[in-house]
Amino acid sequence: MEAKFPDCRKCSSGVLIPLSDYGRDGAPITYKAWVCTNPTCGFNVRIDNGEISLGRAIGPSSK
C-alpha cells in the first residue's frame, strides 16, 4: 500500500512529509514534525514539549 501525504496548503506545489524523533528518555516520537518537500516553501509544523509551532526556521541541529 502506497502512502499518500497531504499537499502543502502554503505553496500548493509541495507535499507535507512526516518526520519522527526521539524523546529525552529515548522513546520514539512519531510524526513530531511535518515539512514541505518544496525547498523554496519551507513550511513546517512541529510539536515541542506539547506545543505546536508553525513555520519555525529549519536548519541543522546544534546537537
PDB file of N, CA and C in Angstrom:
ATOM      1  N   MET A   1       0.831  -1.170   0.000  1.00  0.00           N
ATOM      2  CA  MET A   1       0.000   0.000   0.000  1.00  0.00           C
ATOM      3  C   MET A   1       0.887   1.248   0.000  1.00  0.00           C
ATOM      4  N   GLU A   2       0.651   2.148  -0.919  1.00  0.00           N
ATOM      5  CA  GLU A   2       1.443   3.364  -1.034  1.00  0.00           C
ATOM      6  C   GLU A   2       0.846   4.460  -0.156  1.00  0.00           C
ATOM      7  N   ALA A   3       1.721   5.168   0.579  1.00  0.00           N
ATOM      8  CA  ALA A   3       1.262   6.249   1.454  1.00  0.00           C
ATOM      9  C   ALA A   3       0.956   7.489   0.632  1.00  0.00           C
ATOM     10  N   LYS A   4      -0.096   8.185   0.968  1.00  0.00           N
ATOM     11  CA  LYS A   4      -0.478   9.443   0.311  1.00  0.00           C
ATOM     12  C   LYS A   4      -0.385  10.539   1.359  1.00  0.00           C
ATOM     13  N   PHE A   5       0.540  11.462   1.155  1.00  0.00           N
ATOM     14  CA  PHE A   5       0.724  12.556   2.094  1.00  0.00           C
ATOM     15  C   PHE A   5      -0.038  13.783   1.614  1.00  0.00           C
ATOM     16  N   PRO A   6      -0.428  14.683   2.540  1.00  0.00           N
ATOM     17  CA  PRO A   6      -1.219  15.853   2.157  1.00  0.00           C
ATOM     18  C   PRO A   6      -0.406  16.879   1.368  1.00  0.00           C
ATOM     19  N   ASP A   7      -1.088  17.575   0.471  1.00  0.00           N
ATOM     20  CA  ASP A   7      -0.464  18.673  -0.260  1.00  0.00           C
ATOM     21  C   ASP A   7      -0.213  19.829   0.696  1.00  0.00           C
ATOM     22  N   CYS A   8       0.840  20.595   0.443  1.00  0.00           N
ATOM     23  CA  CYS A   8       1.141  21.764   1.247  1.00  0.00           C
ATOM     24  C   CYS A   8       0.129  22.856   0.913  1.00  0.00           C
ATOM     25  N   ARG A   9      -0.525  23.381   1.925  1.00  0.00           N
ATOM     26  CA  ARG A   9      -1.532  24.425   1.704  1.00  0.00           C
ATOM     27  C   ARG A   9      -0.908  25.805   1.564  1.00  0.00           C
ATOM     28  N   LYS A  10       0.370  25.925   1.879  1.00  0.00           N
ATOM     29  CA  LYS A  10       1.030  27.225   1.732  1.00  0.00           C
ATOM     30  C   LYS A  10       1.450  27.454   0.276  1.00  0.00           C
ATOM     31  N   CYS A  11       2.134  26.467  -0.329  1.00  0.00           N
ATOM     32  CA  CYS A  11       2.656  26.666  -1.687  1.00  0.00           C
ATOM     33  C   CYS A  11       1.880  25.897  -2.755  1.00  0.00           C
ATOM     34  N   SER A  12       1.136  24.884  -2.364  1.00  0.00           N
ATOM     35  CA  SER A  12       0.341  24.049  -3.271  1.00  0.00           C
ATOM     36  C   SER A  12       1.164  23.258  -4.290  1.00  0.00           C
ATOM     37  N   SER A  13       2.496  23.337  -4.213  1.00  0.00           N
ATOM     38  CA  SER A  13       3.302  22.545  -5.142  1.00  0.00           C
ATOM     39  C   SER A  13       4.104  21.457  -4.431  1.00  0.00           C
ATOM     40  N   GLY A  14       4.250  21.565  -3.127  1.00  0.00           N
ATOM     41  CA  GLY A  14       4.957  20.557  -2.352  1.00  0.00           C
ATOM     42  C   GLY A  14       3.992  19.632  -1.637  1.00  0.00           C
ATOM     43  N   VAL A  15       4.561  18.634  -0.983  1.00  0.00           N
ATOM     44  CA  VAL A  15       3.801  17.662  -0.204  1.00  0.00           C
ATOM     45  C   VAL A  15       4.350  17.693   1.212  1.00  0.00           C
ATOM     46  N   LEU A  16       3.475  17.594   2.217  1.00  0.00           N
ATOM     47  CA  LEU A  16       3.928  17.551   3.604  1.00  0.00           C
ATOM     48  C   LEU A  16       4.324  16.122   3.955  1.00  0.00           C
ATOM     49  N   ILE A  17       5.554  15.963   4.424  1.00  0.00           N
ATOM     50  CA  ILE A  17       6.025  14.635   4.821  1.00  0.00           C
ATOM     51  C   ILE A  17       6.306  14.646   6.330  1.00  0.00           C
ATOM     52  N   PRO A  18       6.030  13.520   7.000  1.00  0.00           N
ATOM     53  CA  PRO A  18       6.240  13.458   8.452  1.00  0.00           C
ATOM     54  C   PRO A  18       7.685  13.132   8.813  1.00  0.00           C
ATOM     55  N   LEU A  19       8.141  13.714   9.904  1.00  0.00           N
ATOM     56  CA  LEU A  19       9.453  13.407  10.472  1.00  0.00           C
ATOM     57  C   LEU A  19       9.252  12.953  11.908  1.00  0.00           C
ATOM     58  N   SER A  20      10.053  12.008  12.339  1.00  0.00           N
ATOM     59  CA  SER A  20       9.962  11.482  13.695  1.00  0.00           C
ATOM     60  C   SER A  20      11.243  11.804  14.451  1.00  0.00           C
ATOM     61  N   ASP A  21      11.213  11.640  15.766  1.00  0.00           N
ATOM     62  CA  ASP A  21      12.364  11.950  16.607  1.00  0.00           C
ATOM     63  C   ASP A  21      12.319  11.038  17.824  1.00  0.00           C
ATOM     64  N   TYR A  22      13.242  11.250  18.731  1.00  0.00           N
ATOM     65  CA  TYR A  22      13.264  10.510  19.989  1.00  0.00           C
ATOM     66  C   TYR A  22      13.188  11.486  21.142  1.00  0.00           C
ATOM     67  N   GLY A  23      12.468  11.127  22.195  1.00  0.00           N
ATOM     68  CA  GLY A  23      12.330  11.963  23.379  1.00  0.00           C
ATOM     69  C   GLY A  23      13.550  11.884  24.276  1.00  0.00           C
ATOM     70  N   ARG A  24      13.464  12.576  25.385  1.00  0.00           N
ATOM     71  CA  ARG A  24      14.591  12.630  26.337  1.00  0.00           C
ATOM     72  C   ARG A  24      15.001  11.258  26.844  1.00  0.00           C
ATOM     73  N   ASP A  25      14.021  10.384  27.045  1.00  0.00           N
ATOM     74  CA  ASP A  25      14.307   9.047  27.569  1.00  0.00           C
ATOM     75  C   ASP A  25      14.484   8.010  26.472  1.00  0.00           C
ATOM     76  N   GLY A  26      14.585   8.456  25.237  1.00  0.00           N
ATOM     77  CA  GLY A  26      14.795   7.535  24.131  1.00  0.00           C
ATOM     78  C   GLY A  26      13.527   6.965  23.524  1.00  0.00           C
ATOM     79  N   ALA A  27      12.371   7.382  24.013  1.00  0.00           N
ATOM     80  CA  ALA A  27      11.107   6.891  23.466  1.00  0.00           C
ATOM     81  C   ALA A  27      10.850   7.554  22.114  1.00  0.00           C
ATOM     82  N   PRO A  28      10.381   6.784  21.134  1.00  0.00           N
ATOM     83  CA  PRO A  28      10.125   7.367  19.816  1.00  0.00           C
ATOM     84  C   PRO A  28       8.942   8.342  19.842  1.00  0.00           C
ATOM     85  N   ILE A  29       9.093   9.444  19.127  1.00  0.00           N
ATOM     86  CA  ILE A  29       8.014  10.424  18.943  1.00  0.00           C
ATOM     87  C   ILE A  29       7.675  10.399  17.458  1.00  0.00           C
ATOM     88  N   THR A  30       6.610   9.676  17.124  1.00  0.00           N
ATOM     89  CA  THR A  30       6.205   9.527  15.734  1.00  0.00           C
ATOM     90  C   THR A  30       5.520  10.801  15.269  1.00  0.00           C
ATOM     91  N   TYR A  31       5.886  11.245  14.083  1.00  0.00           N
ATOM     92  CA  TYR A  31       5.294  12.444  13.466  1.00  0.00           C
ATOM     93  C   TYR A  31       5.451  13.681  14.339  1.00  0.00           C
ATOM     94  N   LYS A  32       6.669  13.935  14.793  1.00  0.00           N
ATOM     95  CA  LYS A  32       6.957  15.129  15.595  1.00  0.00           C
ATOM     96  C   LYS A  32       6.840  16.391  14.750  1.00  0.00           C
ATOM     97  N   ALA A  33       7.121  16.276  13.469  1.00  0.00           N
ATOM     98  CA  ALA A  33       7.071  17.443  12.588  1.00  0.00           C
ATOM     99  C   ALA A  33       6.585  17.025  11.205  1.00  0.00           C
ATOM    100  N   TRP A  34       6.012  17.988  10.500  1.00  0.00           N
ATOM    101  CA  TRP A  34       5.627  17.815   9.096  1.00  0.00           C
ATOM    102  C   TRP A  34       6.294  18.946   8.328  1.00  0.00           C
ATOM    103  N   VAL A  35       6.998  18.619   7.242  1.00  0.00           N
ATOM    104  CA  VAL A  35       7.690  19.636   6.461  1.00  0.00           C
ATOM    105  C   VAL A  35       7.317  19.518   4.985  1.00  0.00           C
ATOM    106  N   CYS A  36       7.348  20.662   4.298  1.00  0.00           N
ATOM    107  CA  CYS A  36       7.035  20.705   2.874  1.00  0.00           C
ATOM    108  C   CYS A  36       8.246  20.236   2.072  1.00  0.00           C
ATOM    109  N   THR A  37       7.999  19.463   1.033  1.00  0.00           N
ATOM    110  CA  THR A  37       9.079  18.964   0.185  1.00  0.00           C
ATOM    111  C   THR A  37       9.594  20.007  -0.794  1.00  0.00           C
ATOM    112  N   ASN A  38       8.900  21.125  -0.929  1.00  0.00           N
ATOM    113  CA  ASN A  38       9.332  22.197  -1.822  1.00  0.00           C
ATOM    114  C   ASN A  38      10.372  23.042  -1.070  1.00  0.00           C
ATOM    115  N   PRO A  39      11.649  23.009  -1.489  1.00  0.00           N
ATOM    116  CA  PRO A  39      12.693  23.705  -0.735  1.00  0.00           C
ATOM    117  C   PRO A  39      12.515  25.221  -0.671  1.00  0.00           C
ATOM    118  N   THR A  40      11.829  25.814  -1.627  1.00  0.00           N
ATOM    119  CA  THR A  40      11.622  27.264  -1.591  1.00  0.00           C
ATOM    120  C   THR A  40      10.473  27.657  -0.671  1.00  0.00           C
ATOM    121  N   CYS A  41       9.629  26.708  -0.295  1.00  0.00           N
ATOM    122  CA  CYS A  41       8.487  26.985   0.571  1.00  0.00           C
ATOM    123  C   CYS A  41       8.915  27.067   2.036  1.00  0.00           C
ATOM    124  N   GLY A  42       9.491  26.007   2.548  1.00  0.00           N
ATOM    125  CA  GLY A  42       9.969  25.981   3.929  1.00  0.00           C
ATOM    126  C   GLY A  42       8.902  25.830   4.998  1.00  0.00           C
ATOM    127  N   PHE A  43       7.638  25.580   4.618  1.00  0.00           N
ATOM    128  CA  PHE A  43       6.587  25.438   5.623  1.00  0.00           C
ATOM    129  C   PHE A  43       6.830  24.205   6.475  1.00  0.00           C
ATOM    130  N   ASN A  44       6.584  24.335   7.787  1.00  0.00           N
ATOM    131  CA  ASN A  44       6.717  23.198   8.693  1.00  0.00           C
ATOM    132  C   ASN A  44       5.825  23.385   9.904  1.00  0.00           C
ATOM    133  N   VAL A  45       5.426  22.273  10.480  1.00  0.00           N
ATOM    134  CA  VAL A  45       4.634  22.229  11.707  1.00  0.00           C
ATOM    135  C   VAL A  45       5.373  21.294  12.653  1.00  0.00           C
ATOM    136  N   ARG A  46       5.614  21.754  13.890  1.00  0.00           N
ATOM    137  CA  ARG A  46       6.343  20.945  14.869  1.00  0.00           C
ATOM    138  C   ARG A  46       5.590  20.868  16.182  1.00  0.00           C
ATOM    139  N   ILE A  47       5.870  19.813  16.924  1.00  0.00           N
ATOM    140  CA  ILE A  47       5.375  19.687  18.289  1.00  0.00           C
ATOM    141  C   ILE A  47       6.597  19.673  19.202  1.00  0.00           C
ATOM    142  N   ASP A  48       6.699  20.675  20.064  1.00  0.00           N
ATOM    143  CA  ASP A  48       7.805  20.776  21.020  1.00  0.00           C
ATOM    144  C   ASP A  48       7.240  20.935  22.422  1.00  0.00           C
ATOM    145  N   ASN A  49       7.530  19.970  23.274  1.00  0.00           N
ATOM    146  CA  ASN A  49       7.044  19.991  24.664  1.00  0.00           C
ATOM    147  C   ASN A  49       5.533  20.206  24.735  1.00  0.00           C
ATOM    148  N   GLY A  50       4.814  19.567  23.831  1.00  0.00           N
ATOM    149  CA  GLY A  50       3.363  19.638  23.833  1.00  0.00           C
ATOM    150  C   GLY A  50       2.773  20.868  23.168  1.00  0.00           C
ATOM    151  N   GLU A  51       3.614  21.771  22.653  1.00  0.00           N
ATOM    152  CA  GLU A  51       3.131  22.974  21.984  1.00  0.00           C
ATOM    153  C   GLU A  51       3.374  22.862  20.482  1.00  0.00           C
ATOM    154  N   ILE A  52       2.416  23.349  19.706  1.00  0.00           N
ATOM    155  CA  ILE A  52       2.518  23.315  18.254  1.00  0.00           C
ATOM    156  C   ILE A  52       3.121  24.626  17.777  1.00  0.00           C
ATOM    157  N   SER A  53       4.146  24.538  16.925  1.00  0.00           N
ATOM    158  CA  SER A  53       4.734  25.742  16.349  1.00  0.00           C
ATOM    159  C   SER A  53       4.675  25.641  14.828  1.00  0.00           C
ATOM    160  N   LEU A  54       4.368  26.748  14.183  1.00  0.00           N
ATOM    161  CA  LEU A  54       4.238  26.811  12.730  1.00  0.00           C
ATOM    162  C   LEU A  54       5.349  27.662  12.133  1.00  0.00           C
ATOM    163  N   GLY A  55       5.901  27.195  11.023  1.00  0.00           N
ATOM    164  CA  GLY A  55       6.832  27.998  10.249  1.00  0.00           C
ATOM    165  C   GLY A  55       8.143  28.356  10.906  1.00  0.00           C
ATOM    166  N   ARG A  56       8.541  27.617  11.890  1.00  0.00           N
ATOM    167  CA  ARG A  56       9.816  27.879  12.563  1.00  0.00           C
ATOM    168  C   ARG A  56      10.963  27.638  11.579  1.00  0.00           C
ATOM    169  N   ALA A  57      12.034  28.418  11.674  1.00  0.00           N
ATOM    170  CA  ALA A  57      13.169  28.285  10.766  1.00  0.00           C
ATOM    171  C   ALA A  57      13.754  26.877  10.822  1.00  0.00           C
ATOM    172  N   ILE A  58      14.059  26.334   9.665  1.00  0.00           N
ATOM    173  CA  ILE A  58      14.631  24.989   9.577  1.00  0.00           C
ATOM    174  C   ILE A  58      16.127  25.124   9.345  1.00  0.00           C
ATOM    175  N   GLY A  59      16.885  24.350  10.078  1.00  0.00           N
ATOM    176  CA  GLY A  59      18.341  24.378   9.917  1.00  0.00           C
ATOM    177  C   GLY A  59      18.957  23.197  10.633  1.00  0.00           C
ATOM    178  N   PRO A  60      20.282  23.065  10.529  1.00  0.00           N
ATOM    179  CA  PRO A  60      20.971  21.963  11.198  1.00  0.00           C
ATOM    180  C   PRO A  60      20.862  22.072  12.716  1.00  0.00           C
ATOM    181  N   SER A  61      20.819  20.936  13.361  1.00  0.00           N
ATOM    182  CA  SER A  61      20.745  20.893  14.815  1.00  0.00           C
ATOM    183  C   SER A  61      22.118  21.183  15.413  1.00  0.00           C
ATOM    184  N   SER A  62      22.115  21.816  16.563  1.00  0.00           N
ATOM    185  CA  SER A  62      23.379  22.082  17.255  1.00  0.00           C
ATOM    186  C   SER A  62      23.819  20.893  18.086  1.00  0.00           C
ATOM    187  N   LYS A  63      23.016  19.833  18.115  1.00  0.00           N
ATOM    188  CA  LYS A  63      23.325  18.649  18.920  1.00  0.00           C
ATOM    189  C   LYS A  63      24.263  17.731  18.208  1.00  0.00           C
TER     190      LYS A  63
END
